[in-house]
């Protein structure tokens, strides 16, 4: 069991390395281990259209896959899309045992465990580091289950919850370390959502860049929610409309419908970076799954709050969060929490 946990933990590490690269496919990790305990192949899912984690691990292992145990974060797929079924590839390679972190909730791809067992392969699902494997793929698992993207609301604020000073200045509340961490967060999502108020006030580019300002090869879709103010973008030279990444401009009057459209476009995880009004609208509609707050050790005492009206009028109606991580990022604090009931 200890060895099983060691190898599954490595598969989970591989899955996390693929965050933001694989949508609409899941970010899966796979490790192949020979009967003697030697890792003979590793793989993580390639961008859509490329080989899945199991196939990449099998290619690395070659003949050494025969009789091996495969540790996979998600149940091997059982359907033919742009690539063939991983369940049959494992059978053809002579893999003897498959340890799965999480069963596949997608009815189109599920059934891999049954195919493997029918071929005489020993399959164990959810017995080894199930929660950790689920957490590594939480965004994709949640999105596929309900048909809308997993939404992370990110904001930066002072310790008294101000997103800007009374005169409107907000650049920069947090440190370079925190801003670099935001780019790491962006790199793991498929879309970045902002409201027109943020675009007009801050002219953000909403791209993934290195600390030296070098753009990443892969850029999330940029989404601008205009409401009734779309005409204010006309004729402007806003950075969000440049060629560094694709941009979708939408009124967003029906936020659930907007998220369904994003899902149809292949978005499985979206990062909400809009201002207090848009964040409040998302929270009021119950559309936020996770909150990532960057809190700077500063006090302003006045100025815009990080969150606007969210449909809450009393303490009894307050949204309750589960804090899942608290980290020091330079002089700032990054707090990560999930929304209960989301």
Protein backbone atom coordinates (compact mmCIF):
# COMPACT_ATOMS: atom_id res chain seq x y z
CA UNK A 1 0.00 0.00 0.00
CA UNK A 2 2.88 2.35 0.77
CA UNK A 3 4.35 1.74 -2.66
CA UNK A 4 0.92 2.26 -4.24
CA UNK A 5 0.69 5.67 -2.57
CA UNK A 6 4.20 6.60 -3.70
CA UNK A 7 3.47 5.85 -7.35
CA UNK A 8 0.00 7.40 -7.30
CA UNK A 9 1.46 10.53 -5.75
CA UNK A 10 3.83 10.77 -8.71
CA UNK A 11 0.90 10.33 -11.12
CA UNK A 12 -0.88 13.19 -9.34
CA UNK A 13 2.22 15.38 -9.73
CA UNK A 14 2.15 14.69 -13.47
CA UNK A 15 -1.56 15.53 -13.62
CA UNK A 16 -0.92 18.90 -11.98
CA UNK A 17 1.80 19.68 -14.50
CA UNK A 18 -0.84 19.51 -17.24
CA UNK A 19 -3.23 22.02 -15.65
CA UNK A 20 -4.43 24.47 -18.29
CA UNK A 21 -2.94 22.51 -21.21
CA UNK A 22 -5.44 19.75 -22.00
CA UNK A 23 -8.99 21.13 -22.17
CA UNK A 24 -11.50 19.99 -23.14
CA UNK A 25 -9.73 16.77 -22.10
CA UNK A 26 -8.85 16.05 -18.46
CA UNK A 27 -5.38 16.67 -17.06
CA UNK A 28 -4.34 13.09 -16.27
CA UNK A 29 -1.10 11.60 -15.00
CA UNK A 30 0.06 7.99 -15.42
CA UNK A 31 2.99 5.99 -14.04
CA UNK A 32 3.90 2.46 -15.17
CA UNK A 33 5.74 0.29 -12.65
CA UNK A 34 7.37 -3.07 -13.42
CA UNK A 35 6.80 -6.04 -11.08
CA UNK A 36 10.12 -5.35 -9.39
CA UNK A 37 9.06 -1.81 -8.42
CA UNK A 38 10.94 0.12 -11.12
CA UNK A 39 9.17 2.99 -12.90
CA UNK A 40 9.37 2.09 -16.58
CA UNK A 41 7.16 4.81 -18.06
CA UNK A 42 5.49 8.09 -17.20
CA UNK A 43 3.04 10.26 -19.08
CA UNK A 44 0.72 13.21 -18.77
CA UNK A 45 -2.06 14.15 -21.14
CA UNK A 46 -0.95 16.18 -24.13
CA UNK A 47 -2.92 19.17 -25.48
CA UNK A 48 -6.22 18.23 -27.13
CA UNK A 49 -5.67 15.95 -30.10
CA UNK A 50 -2.42 14.56 -28.70
CA UNK A 51 -1.87 11.27 -26.86
CA UNK A 52 -3.37 10.69 -23.45
CA UNK A 53 -1.30 10.07 -20.33
CA UNK A 54 -1.55 6.27 -20.52
CA UNK A 55 -0.42 6.15 -24.16
CA UNK A 56 2.57 8.39 -23.48
CA UNK A 57 3.57 6.21 -20.53
CA UNK A 58 3.22 3.06 -22.66
CA UNK A 59 5.37 4.58 -25.40
CA UNK A 60 8.06 5.36 -22.84
CA UNK A 61 7.91 1.84 -21.38
CA UNK A 62 7.82 -0.18 -24.59
CA UNK A 63 8.03 -3.93 -23.93
CA UNK A 64 8.66 -3.26 -20.23
CA UNK A 65 4.94 -2.45 -19.87
CA UNK A 66 4.10 -6.17 -20.01
CA UNK A 67 3.11 -7.34 -16.53
CA UNK A 68 3.39 -3.81 -15.11
CA UNK A 69 1.02 -1.88 -12.87
CA UNK A 70 -0.39 1.39 -14.20
CA UNK A 71 -1.16 4.17 -11.71
CA UNK A 72 -3.62 6.58 -13.35
CA UNK A 73 -5.33 9.57 -11.76
CA UNK A 74 -8.50 9.07 -13.85
CA UNK A 75 -10.19 5.91 -15.13
CA UNK A 76 -8.75 5.12 -18.58
CA UNK A 77 -11.07 6.24 -21.36
CA UNK A 78 -13.10 3.69 -23.29
CA UNK A 79 -14.06 5.60 -26.42
CA UNK A 80 -12.49 6.64 -29.70
CA UNK A 81 -12.28 10.38 -30.23
CA UNK A 82 -9.28 12.10 -31.76
CA UNK A 83 -7.26 9.32 -30.12
CA UNK A 84 -8.04 5.67 -29.43
CA UNK A 85 -9.31 4.20 -26.14
CA UNK A 86 -6.63 4.03 -23.44
CA UNK A 87 -8.25 0.98 -21.85
CA UNK A 88 -7.56 -1.12 -24.93
CA UNK A 89 -4.04 0.27 -25.29
CA UNK A 90 -3.28 -0.92 -21.75
CA UNK A 91 -4.70 -4.36 -22.53
CA UNK A 92 -2.71 -4.62 -25.76
CA UNK A 93 0.50 -3.70 -23.92
CA UNK A 94 0.00 -6.51 -21.42
CA UNK A 95 -0.45 -4.36 -18.32
CA UNK A 96 -1.47 -6.63 -15.44
CA UNK A 97 -2.95 -4.20 -12.92
CA UNK A 98 -4.42 -0.69 -13.05
CA UNK A 99 -4.78 1.50 -9.96
CA UNK A 100 -7.17 4.40 -10.60
CA UNK A 101 -7.55 7.53 -8.49
CA UNK A 102 -10.99 8.68 -9.68
CA UNK A 103 -13.74 7.06 -11.78
CA UNK A 104 -14.53 8.93 -15.00
CA UNK A 105 -17.83 10.87 -14.63
CA UNK A 106 -18.06 11.50 -18.37
CA UNK A 107 -20.57 8.97 -19.80
CA UNK A 108 -19.00 9.32 -23.24
CA UNK A 109 -15.59 8.09 -22.06
CA UNK A 110 -16.48 5.92 -19.04
CA UNK A 111 -16.38 2.14 -19.03
CA UNK A 112 -12.63 1.67 -19.21
CA UNK A 113 -12.54 -0.31 -15.97
CA UNK A 114 -15.07 -2.81 -17.32
CA UNK A 115 -13.05 -3.30 -20.51
CA UNK A 116 -9.88 -3.87 -18.52
CA UNK A 117 -11.49 -6.34 -16.13
CA UNK A 118 -13.08 -8.24 -19.03
CA UNK A 119 -9.56 -8.72 -20.41
CA UNK A 120 -8.29 -10.09 -17.11
CA UNK A 121 -6.61 -6.94 -15.82
CA UNK A 122 -6.89 -6.27 -12.08
CA UNK A 123 -8.50 -2.85 -11.55
CA UNK A 124 -8.75 -0.89 -8.30
CA UNK A 125 -10.61 2.43 -8.27
CA UNK A 126 -10.62 5.07 -5.56
CA UNK A 127 -8.64 3.08 -3.01
CA UNK A 128 -5.34 4.99 -3.23
CA UNK A 129 -5.13 8.77 -2.65
CA UNK A 130 -8.62 9.31 -4.07
CA UNK A 131 -9.06 12.80 -2.59
CA UNK A 132 -5.64 13.99 -3.78
CA UNK A 133 -6.28 12.67 -7.29
CA UNK A 134 -9.70 14.35 -7.31
CA UNK A 135 -8.19 17.64 -6.15
CA UNK A 136 -5.61 17.58 -8.97
CA UNK A 137 -8.42 17.35 -11.53
CA UNK A 138 -11.18 19.12 -9.59
CA UNK A 139 -11.85 21.80 -12.19
CA UNK A 140 -12.33 19.34 -15.04
CA UNK A 141 -14.32 16.86 -12.93
CA UNK A 142 -16.70 19.56 -11.73
CA UNK A 143 -17.14 21.08 -15.18
CA UNK A 144 -17.86 17.78 -16.91
CA UNK A 145 -20.36 16.77 -14.23
CA UNK A 146 -22.51 19.88 -14.59
CA UNK A 147 -21.74 21.20 -18.10
CA UNK A 148 -20.33 24.60 -17.07
CA UNK A 149 -16.77 25.69 -16.27
CA UNK A 150 -15.31 25.58 -12.79
CA UNK A 151 -15.00 29.24 -11.77
CA UNK A 152 -12.19 30.67 -9.63
CA UNK A 153 -12.63 34.24 -8.39
CA UNK A 154 -9.28 35.95 -7.88
CA UNK A 155 -8.88 39.34 -6.25
CA UNK A 156 -6.22 41.47 -4.63
CA UNK A 157 -7.00 43.70 -1.65
CA UNK A 158 -5.59 45.40 1.40
CA UNK A 159 -6.08 43.87 4.82
CA UNK A 160 -9.22 45.97 5.25
CA UNK A 161 -10.68 44.65 2.00
CA UNK A 162 -10.05 47.63 -0.29
CA UNK A 163 -9.29 46.99 -3.96
CA UNK A 164 -8.25 50.62 -4.57
CA UNK A 165 -7.64 53.85 -2.71
CA UNK A 166 -10.25 56.60 -2.32
CA UNK A 167 -8.76 58.41 -5.33
CA UNK A 168 -9.19 55.28 -7.47
CA UNK A 169 -5.52 54.29 -7.65
CA UNK A 170 -4.90 50.55 -7.35
CA UNK A 171 -1.52 49.92 -8.98
CA UNK A 172 0.02 48.09 -7.21
CA UNK A 173 -1.72 46.78 -4.10
CA UNK A 174 0.26 43.56 -3.94
CA UNK A 175 3.93 42.75 -4.40
CA UNK A 176 5.78 41.51 -7.50
CA UNK A 177 5.83 38.06 -5.88
CA UNK A 178 2.05 37.97 -5.66
CA UNK A 179 1.67 39.26 -9.20
CA UNK A 180 3.99 36.53 -10.46
CA UNK A 181 1.86 34.00 -8.60
CA UNK A 182 -1.22 35.33 -10.38
CA UNK A 183 0.40 34.50 -13.71
CA UNK A 184 1.01 30.97 -12.43
CA UNK A 185 -2.69 30.81 -11.56
CA UNK A 186 -3.66 32.11 -15.00
CA UNK A 187 -1.51 29.48 -16.69
CA UNK A 188 -3.72 26.75 -15.25
CA UNK A 189 -7.05 28.01 -16.63
CA UNK A 190 -8.76 28.07 -20.02
CA UNK A 191 -10.36 31.52 -19.85
CA UNK A 192 -9.93 34.80 -17.95
CA UNK A 193 -13.10 36.82 -17.38
CA UNK A 194 -13.22 40.57 -16.69
CA UNK A 195 -15.93 43.19 -16.73
CA UNK A 196 -15.92 46.30 -18.86
CA UNK A 197 -15.42 48.47 -15.79
CA UNK A 198 -12.07 46.80 -15.14
CA UNK A 199 -11.09 47.12 -18.80
CA UNK A 200 -11.91 50.83 -18.91
CA UNK A 201 -10.28 51.64 -15.58
CA UNK A 202 -7.12 49.51 -15.69
CA UNK A 203 -6.65 48.50 -19.36
CA UNK A 204 -5.40 45.02 -18.38
CA UNK A 205 -3.91 42.67 -20.96
CA UNK A 206 -5.09 39.53 -19.12
CA UNK A 207 -2.39 37.27 -20.50
CA UNK A 208 0.09 34.82 -18.99
CA UNK A 209 3.59 36.28 -18.75
CA UNK A 210 6.86 35.44 -17.03
CA UNK A 211 8.28 37.74 -14.32
CA UNK A 212 10.41 39.22 -17.14
CA UNK A 213 7.29 39.99 -19.17
CA UNK A 214 7.73 37.22 -21.74
CA UNK A 215 4.33 35.92 -22.98
CA UNK A 216 3.64 32.21 -22.51
CA UNK A 217 3.18 30.05 -25.59
CA UNK A 218 -0.34 29.11 -24.55
CA UNK A 219 -2.79 31.87 -23.64
CA UNK A 220 -6.27 31.48 -22.11
CA UNK A 221 -9.28 32.94 -23.89
CA UNK A 222 -9.98 36.50 -22.71
CA UNK A 223 -13.63 37.23 -21.98
CA UNK A 224 -14.97 40.78 -21.60
CA UNK A 225 -18.43 41.09 -20.06
CA UNK A 226 -19.84 44.43 -21.22
CA UNK A 227 -23.41 44.50 -19.93
CA UNK A 228 -25.07 47.50 -21.56
CA UNK A 229 -21.76 49.36 -22.00
CA UNK A 230 -20.38 47.54 -25.02
CA UNK A 231 -20.30 50.70 -27.13
CA UNK A 232 -17.64 52.13 -24.80
CA UNK A 233 -15.13 49.72 -26.31
CA UNK A 234 -15.73 50.98 -29.84
CA UNK A 235 -12.75 52.74 -31.34
CA UNK A 236 -10.58 52.19 -28.27
CA UNK A 237 -7.07 50.76 -28.27
CA UNK A 238 -7.49 48.55 -25.25
CA UNK A 239 -4.80 45.95 -24.63
CA UNK A 240 -7.39 43.23 -24.19
CA UNK A 241 -8.18 43.60 -27.89
CA UNK A 242 -4.59 43.08 -29.08
CA UNK A 243 -3.28 40.00 -30.88
CA UNK A 244 -1.57 38.40 -27.89
CA UNK A 245 -4.57 36.15 -27.16
CA UNK A 246 -8.07 35.44 -28.42
CA UNK A 247 -10.83 37.64 -26.97
CA UNK A 248 -14.58 37.12 -26.74
CA UNK A 249 -16.72 40.20 -26.01
CA UNK A 250 -20.18 39.40 -24.66
CA UNK A 251 -22.98 41.32 -22.91
CA UNK A 252 -23.14 38.51 -20.34
CA UNK A 253 -26.67 39.47 -19.32
CA UNK A 254 -27.37 35.80 -18.56
CA UNK A 255 -24.27 34.59 -16.72
CA UNK A 256 -25.25 30.88 -16.59
CA UNK A 257 -25.88 30.95 -20.36
CA UNK A 258 -22.52 32.65 -20.86
CA UNK A 259 -20.80 29.88 -18.90
CA UNK A 260 -22.59 27.22 -20.92
CA UNK A 261 -21.32 28.87 -24.08
CA UNK A 262 -17.79 28.89 -22.67
CA UNK A 263 -18.10 25.18 -21.92
CA UNK A 264 -19.20 24.58 -25.50
CA UNK A 265 -16.04 26.43 -26.59
CA UNK A 266 -13.89 23.95 -24.64
CA UNK A 267 -13.42 25.98 -21.45
CA UNK A 268 -13.38 23.79 -18.35
CA UNK A 269 -11.78 26.17 -15.81
CA UNK A 270 -12.30 29.94 -15.86
CA UNK A 271 -10.62 32.64 -13.78
CA UNK A 272 -12.83 35.57 -12.82
CA UNK A 273 -10.73 38.73 -12.54
CA UNK A 274 -13.52 41.25 -12.86
CA UNK A 275 -14.12 44.10 -10.43
CA UNK A 276 -16.50 44.15 -7.45
CA UNK A 277 -19.69 44.46 -9.51
CA UNK A 278 -19.07 41.45 -11.73
CA UNK A 279 -17.74 39.40 -8.80
CA UNK A 280 -20.88 40.20 -6.84
CA UNK A 281 -23.08 39.14 -9.74
CA UNK A 282 -21.26 35.81 -10.05
CA UNK A 283 -21.51 35.14 -6.32
CA UNK A 284 -25.18 36.16 -6.19
CA UNK A 285 -25.88 33.67 -8.96
CA UNK A 286 -23.99 30.90 -7.17
CA UNK A 287 -21.43 30.59 -9.95
CA UNK A 288 -18.16 30.76 -8.00
CA UNK A 289 -16.48 27.52 -6.93
CA UNK A 290 -13.21 28.75 -5.47
CA UNK A 291 -11.84 32.04 -4.17
CA UNK A 292 -8.17 33.02 -4.30
CA UNK A 293 -7.46 36.20 -2.36
CA UNK A 294 -4.13 38.03 -2.38
CA UNK A 295 -4.05 40.20 0.73
CA UNK A 296 -1.43 42.91 1.11
CA UNK A 297 -0.30 44.09 4.56
CA UNK A 298 -1.71 47.58 3.97
CA UNK A 299 -4.66 49.59 5.28
CA UNK A 300 -6.56 52.24 3.30
CA UNK A 301 -9.63 52.90 5.39
CA UNK A 302 -11.57 54.11 2.35
CA UNK A 303 -11.96 53.26 -1.29
CA UNK A 304 -13.79 50.60 -3.32
CA UNK A 305 -14.36 47.24 -1.66
CA UNK A 306 -13.09 44.10 -3.38
CA UNK A 307 -16.65 42.73 -3.54
CA UNK A 308 -19.81 44.55 -4.52
CA UNK A 309 -23.42 43.60 -3.86
CA UNK A 310 -23.74 39.80 -3.95
CA UNK A 311 -27.40 39.43 -3.01
CA UNK A 312 -26.60 39.19 0.70
CA UNK A 313 -28.45 41.39 3.17
CA UNK A 314 -27.82 39.72 6.54
CA UNK A 315 -25.22 37.71 8.42
CA UNK A 316 -27.48 34.69 8.16
CA UNK A 317 -27.23 34.85 4.37
CA UNK A 318 -23.42 35.17 4.28
CA UNK A 319 -21.60 32.76 1.99
CA UNK A 320 -19.49 30.35 3.98
CA UNK A 321 -16.07 29.34 2.68
CA UNK A 322 -13.79 26.42 3.47
CA UNK A 323 -10.18 27.56 3.63
CA UNK A 324 -8.05 24.94 1.86
CA UNK A 325 -4.71 26.76 1.71
CA UNK A 326 -2.94 29.70 3.32
CA UNK A 327 0.46 30.73 2.00
CA UNK A 328 2.94 33.57 2.36
CA UNK A 329 3.77 35.06 -1.05
CA UNK A 330 6.54 37.59 -0.50
CA UNK A 331 5.13 40.17 1.95
CA UNK A 332 1.56 39.21 1.03
CA UNK A 333 -0.77 36.37 1.99
CA UNK A 334 -2.58 34.13 -0.49
CA UNK A 335 -5.76 32.61 0.89
CA UNK A 336 -7.54 29.89 -1.08
CA UNK A 337 -11.02 28.74 -0.18
CA UNK A 338 -13.89 26.80 -1.71
CA UNK A 339 -17.49 27.98 -1.62
CA UNK A 340 -19.67 25.66 0.43
CA UNK A 341 -22.51 24.25 -1.60
CA UNK A 342 -20.98 25.28 -4.94
